[in-house]
N, C-alpha and C. Protein backbone atom coordinates (compact mmCIF):
# COMPACT_ATOMS: atom_id res chain seq x y z
N GLU A 1 6.37 11.39 -4.99
CA GLU A 1 7.48 10.48 -4.94
C GLU A 1 8.30 10.78 -3.68
N ALA A 2 8.65 9.74 -2.95
CA ALA A 2 9.44 9.89 -1.74
C ALA A 2 10.28 8.63 -1.54
N ALA A 3 11.47 8.80 -0.99
CA ALA A 3 12.38 7.67 -0.80
C ALA A 3 12.41 7.17 0.64
N SER A 4 11.69 7.86 1.54
CA SER A 4 11.69 7.46 2.94
C SER A 4 10.38 7.89 3.59
N THR A 5 10.14 7.38 4.79
CA THR A 5 8.95 7.77 5.53
C THR A 5 8.98 9.25 5.84
N ASP A 6 10.12 9.76 6.32
CA ASP A 6 10.22 11.19 6.65
C ASP A 6 9.96 12.06 5.44
N GLU A 7 10.50 11.66 4.29
CA GLU A 7 10.29 12.42 3.07
C GLU A 7 8.81 12.37 2.64
N ALA A 8 8.18 11.22 2.79
CA ALA A 8 6.76 11.10 2.45
C ALA A 8 5.91 12.01 3.34
N VAL A 9 6.22 12.05 4.63
CA VAL A 9 5.49 12.92 5.56
C VAL A 9 5.69 14.38 5.19
N ALA A 10 6.90 14.77 4.87
CA ALA A 10 7.18 16.16 4.49
C ALA A 10 6.43 16.53 3.22
N ARG A 11 6.43 15.65 2.24
CA ARG A 11 5.72 15.93 0.99
C ARG A 11 4.22 15.96 1.20
N PHE A 12 3.73 15.12 2.11
CA PHE A 12 2.30 15.05 2.40
C PHE A 12 1.79 16.38 2.95
N ARG A 13 2.65 17.09 3.65
CA ARG A 13 2.26 18.40 4.19
C ARG A 13 2.07 19.43 3.08
N GLU A 14 2.72 19.20 1.93
CA GLU A 14 2.61 20.11 0.78
C GLU A 14 1.54 19.67 -0.21
N PHE A 15 1.34 18.36 -0.31
CA PHE A 15 0.44 17.80 -1.30
C PHE A 15 -0.18 16.52 -0.75
N GLU A 16 -1.51 16.46 -0.71
CA GLU A 16 -2.20 15.27 -0.22
C GLU A 16 -2.62 14.40 -1.39
N PRO A 17 -2.02 13.23 -1.54
CA PRO A 17 -2.38 12.36 -2.65
C PRO A 17 -3.73 11.67 -2.43
N ASP A 18 -4.32 11.19 -3.52
CA ASP A 18 -5.56 10.42 -3.43
C ASP A 18 -5.28 8.97 -3.06
N LEU A 19 -4.04 8.55 -3.30
CA LEU A 19 -3.65 7.15 -3.11
C LEU A 19 -2.15 7.08 -2.90
N VAL A 20 -1.71 6.13 -2.07
CA VAL A 20 -0.27 5.90 -1.88
C VAL A 20 0.06 4.50 -2.38
N LEU A 21 1.05 4.43 -3.25
CA LEU A 21 1.65 3.15 -3.67
C LEU A 21 3.01 3.11 -3.03
N ALA A 22 3.27 2.10 -2.22
CA ALA A 22 4.54 2.06 -1.50
C ALA A 22 5.21 0.70 -1.59
N ASP A 23 6.49 0.72 -1.87
CA ASP A 23 7.28 -0.50 -1.81
C ASP A 23 7.56 -0.78 -0.34
N TYR A 24 7.56 -2.04 0.03
CA TYR A 24 7.78 -2.38 1.43
C TYR A 24 9.17 -1.96 1.91
N ARG A 25 10.20 -2.25 1.14
CA ARG A 25 11.57 -1.93 1.55
C ARG A 25 12.01 -0.61 0.96
N LEU A 26 12.20 0.38 1.83
CA LEU A 26 12.64 1.70 1.40
C LEU A 26 14.12 1.93 1.65
N GLY A 27 14.76 1.06 2.37
CA GLY A 27 16.19 1.22 2.68
C GLY A 27 16.39 1.83 4.04
N GLU A 28 17.62 1.68 4.55
CA GLU A 28 17.98 2.24 5.86
C GLU A 28 16.99 1.84 6.95
N HIS A 29 16.55 0.60 6.95
CA HIS A 29 15.62 0.06 7.95
C HIS A 29 14.28 0.79 7.96
N ASP A 30 13.90 1.34 6.83
CA ASP A 30 12.64 2.05 6.67
C ASP A 30 11.73 1.20 5.79
N SER A 31 10.43 1.38 5.93
CA SER A 31 9.52 0.58 5.12
C SER A 31 8.33 1.39 4.63
N GLY A 32 7.80 0.95 3.51
CA GLY A 32 6.59 1.56 2.98
C GLY A 32 5.42 1.35 3.91
N PHE A 33 5.44 0.24 4.64
CA PHE A 33 4.38 -0.01 5.64
C PHE A 33 4.38 1.09 6.69
N GLU A 34 5.56 1.42 7.20
CA GLU A 34 5.69 2.50 8.19
C GLU A 34 5.26 3.84 7.59
N ALA A 35 5.64 4.08 6.34
CA ALA A 35 5.26 5.33 5.69
C ALA A 35 3.74 5.45 5.60
N ILE A 36 3.09 4.38 5.18
CA ILE A 36 1.63 4.40 5.07
C ILE A 36 1.00 4.63 6.45
N CYS A 37 1.49 3.95 7.46
CA CYS A 37 0.94 4.12 8.82
C CYS A 37 1.08 5.57 9.28
N ARG A 38 2.23 6.17 9.06
CA ARG A 38 2.44 7.57 9.46
C ARG A 38 1.53 8.52 8.69
N LEU A 39 1.38 8.28 7.39
CA LEU A 39 0.51 9.13 6.58
C LEU A 39 -0.95 8.97 7.01
N ARG A 40 -1.32 7.76 7.39
CA ARG A 40 -2.70 7.54 7.85
C ARG A 40 -2.95 8.17 9.22
N GLU A 41 -1.91 8.42 9.99
CA GLU A 41 -2.08 9.19 11.23
C GLU A 41 -2.49 10.62 10.90
N MET A 42 -1.99 11.12 9.78
CA MET A 42 -2.30 12.47 9.34
C MET A 42 -3.65 12.53 8.61
N ARG A 43 -3.96 11.46 7.91
CA ARG A 43 -5.23 11.38 7.18
C ARG A 43 -5.77 9.95 7.29
N PRO A 44 -6.56 9.68 8.32
CA PRO A 44 -7.12 8.33 8.50
C PRO A 44 -7.89 7.89 7.26
N GLY A 45 -7.72 6.61 6.93
CA GLY A 45 -8.43 6.05 5.79
C GLY A 45 -7.80 6.32 4.44
N LEU A 46 -6.61 6.91 4.45
CA LEU A 46 -5.92 7.19 3.19
C LEU A 46 -5.77 5.89 2.39
N PRO A 47 -6.29 5.84 1.16
CA PRO A 47 -6.15 4.63 0.35
C PRO A 47 -4.67 4.37 0.04
N ALA A 48 -4.28 3.10 0.12
CA ALA A 48 -2.89 2.75 -0.12
C ALA A 48 -2.78 1.31 -0.57
N VAL A 49 -1.69 1.02 -1.27
CA VAL A 49 -1.35 -0.32 -1.72
C VAL A 49 0.12 -0.54 -1.39
N LEU A 50 0.42 -1.68 -0.78
CA LEU A 50 1.79 -2.03 -0.43
C LEU A 50 2.30 -3.07 -1.44
N ILE A 51 3.51 -2.87 -1.92
CA ILE A 51 4.12 -3.77 -2.91
C ILE A 51 5.42 -4.32 -2.32
N SER A 52 5.63 -5.63 -2.48
CA SER A 52 6.83 -6.22 -1.88
C SER A 52 7.29 -7.46 -2.63
N GLY A 53 8.58 -7.68 -2.61
CA GLY A 53 9.15 -8.93 -3.08
C GLY A 53 9.25 -9.92 -1.94
N ASP A 54 9.00 -9.45 -0.72
CA ASP A 54 9.07 -10.26 0.49
C ASP A 54 7.78 -11.06 0.64
N THR A 55 7.88 -12.36 0.85
CA THR A 55 6.69 -13.20 1.01
C THR A 55 6.49 -13.66 2.45
N ASP A 56 7.11 -12.99 3.39
CA ASP A 56 7.01 -13.33 4.80
C ASP A 56 5.56 -13.29 5.28
N THR A 57 5.14 -14.30 6.03
CA THR A 57 3.75 -14.35 6.50
C THR A 57 3.44 -13.24 7.49
N ALA A 58 4.43 -12.79 8.25
CA ALA A 58 4.20 -11.68 9.19
C ALA A 58 3.85 -10.40 8.43
N LEU A 59 4.50 -10.17 7.32
CA LEU A 59 4.19 -9.00 6.50
C LEU A 59 2.75 -9.09 6.01
N ARG A 60 2.37 -10.25 5.55
CA ARG A 60 1.00 -10.46 5.06
C ARG A 60 -0.02 -10.19 6.17
N ARG A 61 0.26 -10.69 7.37
CA ARG A 61 -0.64 -10.47 8.52
C ARG A 61 -0.72 -8.99 8.87
N ASN A 62 0.44 -8.31 8.90
CA ASN A 62 0.46 -6.89 9.25
C ASN A 62 -0.29 -6.06 8.21
N ALA A 63 -0.12 -6.39 6.95
CA ALA A 63 -0.83 -5.67 5.89
C ALA A 63 -2.33 -5.89 6.03
N ALA A 64 -2.73 -7.12 6.28
CA ALA A 64 -4.16 -7.42 6.45
C ALA A 64 -4.73 -6.68 7.65
N ALA A 65 -4.00 -6.65 8.76
CA ALA A 65 -4.47 -5.97 9.96
C ALA A 65 -4.63 -4.46 9.72
N ALA A 66 -3.81 -3.91 8.83
CA ALA A 66 -3.88 -2.48 8.53
C ALA A 66 -4.86 -2.19 7.38
N GLY A 67 -5.47 -3.25 6.83
CA GLY A 67 -6.39 -3.06 5.72
C GLY A 67 -5.71 -2.68 4.43
N LEU A 68 -4.47 -3.16 4.26
CA LEU A 68 -3.69 -2.83 3.07
C LEU A 68 -3.64 -3.97 2.08
N PRO A 69 -4.05 -3.73 0.84
CA PRO A 69 -3.80 -4.73 -0.18
C PRO A 69 -2.28 -4.90 -0.32
N LEU A 70 -1.83 -6.12 -0.44
CA LEU A 70 -0.41 -6.42 -0.58
C LEU A 70 -0.18 -7.15 -1.89
N LEU A 71 0.62 -6.56 -2.74
CA LEU A 71 0.97 -7.16 -4.02
C LEU A 71 2.40 -7.68 -3.94
N HIS A 72 2.62 -8.87 -4.46
CA HIS A 72 3.96 -9.44 -4.49
C HIS A 72 4.56 -9.26 -5.87
N LYS A 73 5.83 -8.85 -5.89
CA LYS A 73 6.56 -8.66 -7.15
C LYS A 73 6.85 -10.00 -7.79
N PRO A 74 6.90 -10.05 -9.10
CA PRO A 74 6.64 -8.96 -10.03
C PRO A 74 5.14 -8.69 -10.13
N VAL A 75 4.78 -7.44 -10.28
CA VAL A 75 3.38 -7.02 -10.35
C VAL A 75 3.04 -6.66 -11.79
N THR A 76 2.00 -7.29 -12.31
CA THR A 76 1.57 -6.94 -13.66
C THR A 76 0.74 -5.66 -13.60
N LEU A 77 0.66 -4.97 -14.70
CA LEU A 77 -0.13 -3.76 -14.78
C LEU A 77 -1.60 -4.05 -14.44
N GLU A 78 -2.10 -5.18 -14.89
CA GLU A 78 -3.48 -5.55 -14.60
C GLU A 78 -3.73 -5.70 -13.10
N ARG A 79 -2.82 -6.38 -12.40
CA ARG A 79 -2.99 -6.57 -10.95
C ARG A 79 -2.84 -5.25 -10.20
N LEU A 80 -1.92 -4.41 -10.65
CA LEU A 80 -1.75 -3.10 -10.02
C LEU A 80 -3.00 -2.26 -10.21
N ALA A 81 -3.53 -2.24 -11.42
CA ALA A 81 -4.73 -1.46 -11.70
C ALA A 81 -5.90 -1.95 -10.85
N GLU A 82 -6.04 -3.25 -10.69
CA GLU A 82 -7.12 -3.81 -9.87
C GLU A 82 -6.95 -3.43 -8.40
N ALA A 83 -5.71 -3.49 -7.90
CA ALA A 83 -5.45 -3.12 -6.51
C ALA A 83 -5.77 -1.64 -6.28
N VAL A 84 -5.43 -0.80 -7.24
CA VAL A 84 -5.73 0.64 -7.13
C VAL A 84 -7.23 0.85 -7.10
N ARG A 85 -7.95 0.18 -7.99
CA ARG A 85 -9.42 0.30 -8.00
C ARG A 85 -10.00 -0.10 -6.65
N MET A 86 -9.51 -1.20 -6.12
CA MET A 86 -10.03 -1.69 -4.84
C MET A 86 -9.69 -0.73 -3.71
N ALA A 87 -8.47 -0.22 -3.68
CA ALA A 87 -8.06 0.70 -2.62
C ALA A 87 -8.89 1.98 -2.64
N LEU A 88 -9.29 2.39 -3.83
CA LEU A 88 -10.10 3.61 -3.97
C LEU A 88 -11.59 3.33 -3.76
N GLY A 89 -11.92 2.05 -3.54
CA GLY A 89 -13.31 1.70 -3.27
C GLY A 89 -14.15 1.52 -4.51
N TRP A 90 -13.50 1.40 -5.67
CA TRP A 90 -14.22 1.15 -6.90
C TRP A 90 -14.53 -0.34 -6.98
N GLU A 91 -15.57 -0.68 -7.67
CA GLU A 91 -15.95 -2.08 -7.82
C GLU A 91 -14.93 -2.82 -8.68
N PRO A 92 -14.44 -3.97 -8.18
CA PRO A 92 -13.53 -4.76 -9.01
C PRO A 92 -14.31 -5.48 -10.10
N ALA A 93 -13.62 -5.84 -11.16
CA ALA A 93 -14.24 -6.65 -12.20
C ALA A 93 -14.63 -7.99 -11.62
N ALA A 94 -15.69 -8.59 -12.11
CA ALA A 94 -16.18 -9.86 -11.58
C ALA A 94 -15.10 -10.92 -11.58
N GLY A 95 -14.84 -11.50 -10.39
CA GLY A 95 -13.88 -12.58 -10.26
C GLY A 95 -12.43 -12.15 -10.32
N VAL A 96 -12.17 -10.86 -10.41
CA VAL A 96 -10.81 -10.36 -10.52
C VAL A 96 -10.40 -9.70 -9.21
N GLY A 97 -9.20 -9.93 -8.77
CA GLY A 97 -8.68 -9.23 -7.61
C GLY A 97 -9.05 -9.83 -6.27
N GLU A 98 -9.68 -11.01 -6.29
CA GLU A 98 -10.09 -11.61 -5.03
C GLU A 98 -8.91 -11.88 -4.10
N ASP A 99 -7.75 -12.16 -4.66
CA ASP A 99 -6.58 -12.44 -3.85
C ASP A 99 -5.91 -11.16 -3.33
N LEU A 100 -6.41 -9.99 -3.74
CA LEU A 100 -5.85 -8.73 -3.29
C LEU A 100 -6.49 -8.22 -2.01
N VAL A 101 -7.65 -8.74 -1.68
CA VAL A 101 -8.35 -8.28 -0.50
C VAL A 101 -7.67 -8.86 0.73
N PRO A 102 -7.26 -8.00 1.67
CA PRO A 102 -6.62 -8.52 2.86
C PRO A 102 -7.53 -9.49 3.59
N GLY A 103 -6.99 -10.63 3.99
CA GLY A 103 -7.77 -11.63 4.71
C GLY A 103 -7.42 -11.61 6.18
N PRO A 104 -8.12 -12.43 6.92
CA PRO A 104 -7.86 -12.47 8.37
C PRO A 104 -6.50 -13.05 8.70
């Protein structure tokens, strides 16, 4: 658990997670997107899922370019579980989660 990019980086030095779930807006002009990018500098390919209430198309493009599944709030447990499976490279259930895969 971390409330900022700097805190996530500091915690990452102590404990390397298997997956990062990050809210887009962390406060103080910080973002979960930035946190994920910084953590991936330390561990390329780190599985991650970005969650946001923001529906801005630029955010969607940036997430897709970074290979990040982007979930829009409110997020159901089913959609979160599917995004986690996909981020970890597990096979999604047939016909489920197609909208979670970052597109061009």
